[in-house]
Amino acid sequence: MHLSREDFVNICTQAIFYTREQLTINNQLSGYKKFHREIKENKYFTNNVRDPLINTREDEYMYRHDLLKHVALGNCHELADFLLVEIGKEVERQNALARIRIVKSMKADHVYLEIRIKLQGENDYSLWEVDAWDPRIIDISARPNGSIKNYESLDYGYSTITKNTVFTDDINYNQRYTFFNSIPKPRVGRPLGEATPEREMLDKHDHLYADYMIEDSIKEGKIPSFDGNLRYLQQVSSWQI
């Protein structure tokens, strides 16, 4: 069964919304402010989460997803891990198939998803750039002449390094993990010591980014509007049908 383009984009959109609801972004301003003490003084993510994630096998998608849901915190790679499962399980539920890759930009230090799927009524597979950290759903399929669709809108470039590859029917979405008691949940709050003033946070910390908001992505056409209508970056081209 093939999904329509509208159905596929809607799956990605809802998964992005859900991922952003479940995970606070560790290296965007609002997340840094929310967990200022944990991040600044306790090095929470490095001390509690990084090793359990790194030590997983590539195919342990559900374990990483459920661990991240437990701690509810992550950077771009962690949001990609979580988003992969959320998109994959809905594609599988609708009896469709997609190949999902976690990729790293060769232009910037950023990780996100690349999805290849055959959509209903279209003459070939389409390729998509999908991300929850910087919310966007962009058709990056190759045109018949070899050029890349929407290339001018790719802030992180087109060339990537593949981190993980999986087909959506290769994951057992019913396999769940709940035994994370040894990993404490991060605590909200300001540092016990001197706190960095908010106005200085972005200048002082080169690892920290301004917030990438869902509302801004909608305004910029990176994801559909709330009524579900596809924007320019998600619409089908004449050569694809």
Protein backbone atom coordinates (compact mmCIF):
# COMPACT_ATOMS: atom_id res chain seq x y z
CA MET A 1 0.00 0.00 0.00
CA HIS A 2 1.25 3.49 -0.84
CA LEU A 3 0.50 6.56 1.24
CA SER A 4 -0.69 9.71 -0.45
CA ARG A 5 1.67 12.66 -0.28
CA GLU A 6 -0.78 14.43 2.03
CA ASP A 7 -0.93 11.43 4.37
CA PHE A 8 2.85 11.06 4.50
CA VAL A 9 3.44 14.75 5.23
CA ASN A 10 0.72 14.63 7.89
CA ILE A 11 2.44 11.66 9.55
CA CYS A 12 5.72 13.58 9.64
CA THR A 13 4.01 16.73 10.90
CA GLN A 14 2.22 15.01 13.77
CA ALA A 15 5.40 13.13 14.69
CA ILE A 16 7.33 16.41 14.82
CA PHE A 17 4.66 17.96 17.04
CA TYR A 18 4.72 14.95 19.37
CA THR A 19 8.51 14.82 19.53
CA ARG A 20 8.66 18.48 20.48
CA GLU A 21 6.00 17.89 23.16
CA GLN A 22 7.91 14.98 24.67
CA LEU A 23 11.52 16.17 24.49
CA THR A 24 12.97 19.43 25.75
CA ILE A 25 15.89 20.53 23.60
CA ASN A 26 19.06 20.60 25.67
CA ASN A 27 20.98 23.02 23.43
CA GLN A 28 18.27 25.53 22.54
CA LEU A 29 17.72 28.57 24.75
CA SER A 30 14.41 27.60 26.38
CA GLY A 31 15.70 24.12 27.26
CA TYR A 32 18.92 25.52 28.69
CA LYS A 33 16.93 27.96 30.84
CA LYS A 34 14.51 25.23 32.02
CA PHE A 35 17.27 22.84 33.09
CA HIS A 36 19.96 25.45 33.78
CA ARG A 37 21.28 23.77 36.93
CA GLU A 38 21.35 20.28 35.44
CA ILE A 39 23.10 21.38 32.27
CA LYS A 40 25.53 23.93 33.72
CA GLU A 41 26.48 22.42 37.09
CA ASN A 42 25.59 18.73 36.91
CA LYS A 43 26.48 18.03 33.25
CA TYR A 44 23.31 15.94 33.33
CA PHE A 45 23.24 14.61 29.78
CA THR A 46 26.92 13.70 29.66
CA ASN A 47 26.87 12.02 33.07
CA ASN A 48 23.58 10.13 32.78
CA VAL A 49 22.39 9.64 29.21
CA ARG A 50 25.22 9.84 26.69
CA ASP A 51 26.89 6.49 27.47
CA PRO A 52 23.64 4.44 27.57
CA LEU A 53 22.79 5.82 24.13
CA ILE A 54 26.26 5.34 22.64
CA ASN A 55 26.45 1.76 23.94
CA THR A 56 23.32 0.63 22.11
CA ARG A 57 23.42 -1.41 18.91
CA GLU A 58 22.27 0.30 15.73
CA ASP A 59 19.05 -1.73 15.66
CA GLU A 60 17.99 -0.81 19.21
CA TYR A 61 15.68 1.94 18.01
CA MET A 62 12.94 1.26 20.56
CA TYR A 63 15.36 1.25 23.49
CA ARG A 64 16.75 4.66 22.52
CA HIS A 65 13.24 6.01 21.93
CA ASP A 66 11.97 4.87 25.33
CA LEU A 67 15.09 6.00 27.17
CA LEU A 68 14.69 9.45 25.65
CA LYS A 69 11.01 9.53 26.59
CA HIS A 70 12.09 8.74 30.17
CA VAL A 71 14.62 11.58 30.42
CA ALA A 72 12.60 13.91 28.14
CA LEU A 73 15.70 15.78 27.03
CA GLY A 74 18.01 15.72 24.01
CA ASN A 75 19.97 17.46 21.27
CA CYS A 76 19.46 17.07 17.52
CA HIS A 77 20.67 13.44 17.32
CA GLU A 78 18.38 12.39 20.15
CA LEU A 79 15.38 14.12 18.57
CA ALA A 80 16.18 12.29 15.32
CA ASP A 81 16.25 8.94 17.16
CA PHE A 82 12.88 9.65 18.74
CA LEU A 83 11.30 11.05 15.57
CA LEU A 84 12.41 8.03 13.53
CA VAL A 85 10.31 5.70 15.68
CA GLU A 86 7.30 8.01 15.73
CA ILE A 87 7.25 8.29 11.93
CA GLY A 88 8.14 4.66 11.36
CA LYS A 89 5.40 3.18 13.52
CA GLU A 90 2.69 5.24 11.81
CA VAL A 91 3.96 4.38 8.31
CA GLU A 92 3.95 0.72 9.35
CA ARG A 93 0.47 1.02 10.92
CA GLN A 94 -0.84 2.24 7.57
CA ASN A 95 0.76 -0.76 5.81
CA ALA A 96 3.22 1.38 3.89
CA LEU A 97 7.01 1.17 3.73
CA ALA A 98 9.78 3.76 3.94
CA ARG A 99 13.53 3.77 4.35
CA ILE A 100 14.64 6.13 7.10
CA ARG A 101 18.20 7.30 7.62
CA ILE A 102 19.67 9.33 10.43
CA VAL A 103 22.13 11.60 8.67
CA LYS A 104 24.67 14.26 9.61
CA SER A 105 25.11 17.34 7.48
CA MET A 106 28.53 17.81 5.92
CA LYS A 107 27.95 21.57 5.98
CA ALA A 108 26.98 22.01 9.63
CA ASP A 109 27.10 20.09 12.91
CA HIS A 110 23.52 18.89 12.68
CA VAL A 111 21.75 15.51 12.58
CA TYR A 112 18.28 14.85 11.15
CA LEU A 113 16.27 12.33 9.10
CA GLU A 114 16.31 11.48 5.40
CA ILE A 115 13.28 9.46 4.28
CA ARG A 116 12.85 7.61 0.98
CA ILE A 117 9.30 6.51 0.12
CA LYS A 118 7.10 5.67 -2.86
CA LEU A 119 3.93 7.73 -2.63
CA GLN A 120 0.54 7.03 -4.15
CA GLY A 121 0.14 8.20 -7.75
CA GLU A 122 3.79 9.19 -8.13
CA ASN A 123 6.11 7.68 -10.71
CA ASP A 124 9.19 7.16 -8.55
CA TYR A 125 10.48 7.25 -5.00
CA SER A 126 10.74 10.66 -3.38
CA LEU A 127 13.40 11.71 -0.89
CA TRP A 128 12.66 13.92 2.10
CA GLU A 129 14.56 15.91 4.72
CA VAL A 130 12.64 15.73 8.00
CA ASP A 131 13.60 17.21 11.36
CA ALA A 132 12.07 18.05 14.75
CA TRP A 133 15.02 20.05 16.17
CA ASP A 134 14.66 22.63 13.38
CA PRO A 135 11.11 21.68 12.33
CA ARG A 136 10.87 21.05 8.59
CA ILE A 137 9.60 18.60 5.98
CA ILE A 138 11.25 19.22 2.61
CA ASP A 139 11.04 17.20 -0.61
CA ILE A 140 14.67 16.84 -1.77
CA SER A 141 14.10 14.43 -4.65
CA ALA A 142 16.41 14.48 -7.67
CA ARG A 143 14.84 15.93 -10.79
CA PRO A 144 15.21 14.06 -14.13
CA ASN A 145 18.09 16.40 -15.04
CA GLY A 146 19.93 15.48 -11.82
CA SER A 147 19.35 18.74 -9.97
CA ILE A 148 17.88 18.65 -6.46
CA LYS A 149 14.37 19.85 -5.76
CA ASN A 150 14.21 22.68 -3.18
CA TYR A 151 18.00 22.78 -3.02
CA GLU A 152 17.99 26.52 -2.35
CA SER A 153 15.97 25.94 0.84
CA LEU A 154 18.38 23.46 2.43
CA ASP A 155 20.01 25.39 5.26
CA TYR A 156 22.26 22.44 6.10
CA GLY A 157 23.23 21.62 2.54
CA TYR A 158 22.45 18.45 0.61
CA SER A 159 25.52 16.28 1.26
CA THR A 160 25.30 14.09 4.35
CA ILE A 161 27.00 11.27 6.22
CA THR A 162 24.70 8.35 7.08
CA LYS A 163 24.62 7.36 10.76
CA ASN A 164 21.83 4.74 10.75
CA THR A 165 19.58 3.16 8.12
CA VAL A 166 16.40 1.20 8.73
CA PHE A 167 13.25 0.20 6.86
CA THR A 168 10.07 0.93 8.76
CA ASP A 169 8.99 -2.73 8.77
CA ASP A 170 12.26 -3.82 10.44
CA ILE A 171 11.37 -2.32 13.84
CA ASN A 172 9.27 -4.13 16.44
CA TYR A 173 7.19 -1.20 17.66
CA ASN A 174 5.49 -3.36 20.31
CA GLN A 175 8.79 -3.89 22.12
CA ARG A 176 8.87 -1.39 24.98
CA TYR A 177 11.43 -0.55 27.65
CA THR A 178 10.55 0.88 31.06
CA PHE A 179 13.39 -0.10 33.40
CA PHE A 180 15.30 3.17 33.57
CA ASN A 181 15.22 3.68 37.34
CA SER A 182 19.01 3.90 37.48
CA ILE A 183 18.88 7.01 35.27
CA PRO A 184 17.48 10.00 37.19
CA LYS A 185 15.13 12.38 35.45
CA PRO A 186 16.55 15.91 35.04
CA ARG A 187 15.32 18.46 37.56
CA VAL A 188 14.00 21.85 36.52
CA GLY A 189 15.74 24.83 38.09
CA ARG A 190 18.38 27.53 38.20
CA PRO A 191 21.98 26.80 39.19
CA LEU A 192 22.80 26.80 42.90
CA GLY A 193 25.79 28.99 42.14
CA GLU A 194 26.01 32.06 39.94
CA ALA A 195 23.68 31.86 36.95
CA THR A 196 24.49 33.14 33.46
CA PRO A 197 22.15 36.07 32.74
CA GLU A 198 19.68 35.17 30.00
CA ARG A 199 20.78 38.08 27.81
CA GLU A 200 24.32 36.66 27.77
CA MET A 201 23.54 32.97 27.29
CA LEU A 202 23.79 32.80 23.50
CA ASP A 203 26.96 34.90 23.38
CA LYS A 204 28.65 33.04 26.22
CA HIS A 205 27.87 29.49 25.12
CA ASP A 206 28.81 28.65 21.53
CA HIS A 207 27.05 25.27 21.83
CA LEU A 208 23.71 26.99 22.53
CA TYR A 209 21.16 28.01 19.88
CA ALA A 210 18.12 30.24 19.81
CA ASP A 211 14.81 28.40 19.88
CA TYR A 212 13.57 26.90 16.62
CA MET A 213 9.80 27.21 17.04
CA ILE A 214 7.01 25.23 15.39
CA GLU A 215 5.13 28.46 14.73
CA ASP A 216 8.10 29.95 12.87
CA SER A 217 8.45 26.84 10.72
CA ILE A 218 4.79 27.10 9.75
CA LYS A 219 5.19 30.77 8.83
CA GLU A 220 8.27 29.93 6.74
CA GLY A 221 6.49 27.07 4.95
CA LYS A 222 8.86 24.41 6.32
CA ILE A 223 5.91 22.40 7.61
CA PRO A 224 2.23 22.54 6.66
CA SER A 225 -0.10 25.04 8.25
CA PHE A 226 -2.38 23.84 11.05
CA ASP A 227 -5.15 23.16 8.53
CA GLY A 228 -2.92 20.50 6.94
CA ASN A 229 -2.50 22.18 3.55
CA LEU A 230 0.85 21.38 1.94
CA ARG A 231 3.23 24.26 1.38
CA TYR A 232 5.62 24.81 -1.52
CA LEU A 233 8.39 22.68 0.01
CA GLN A 234 6.06 19.67 0.33
CA GLN A 235 4.04 19.93 -2.87
CA VAL A 236 4.38 17.47 -5.75
CA SER A 237 6.10 18.59 -8.96
CA SER A 238 4.76 17.86 -12.44
CA TRP A 239 7.67 15.50 -13.21
CA GLN A 240 6.81 13.34 -10.17
CA ILE A 241 3.36 12.30 -11.43
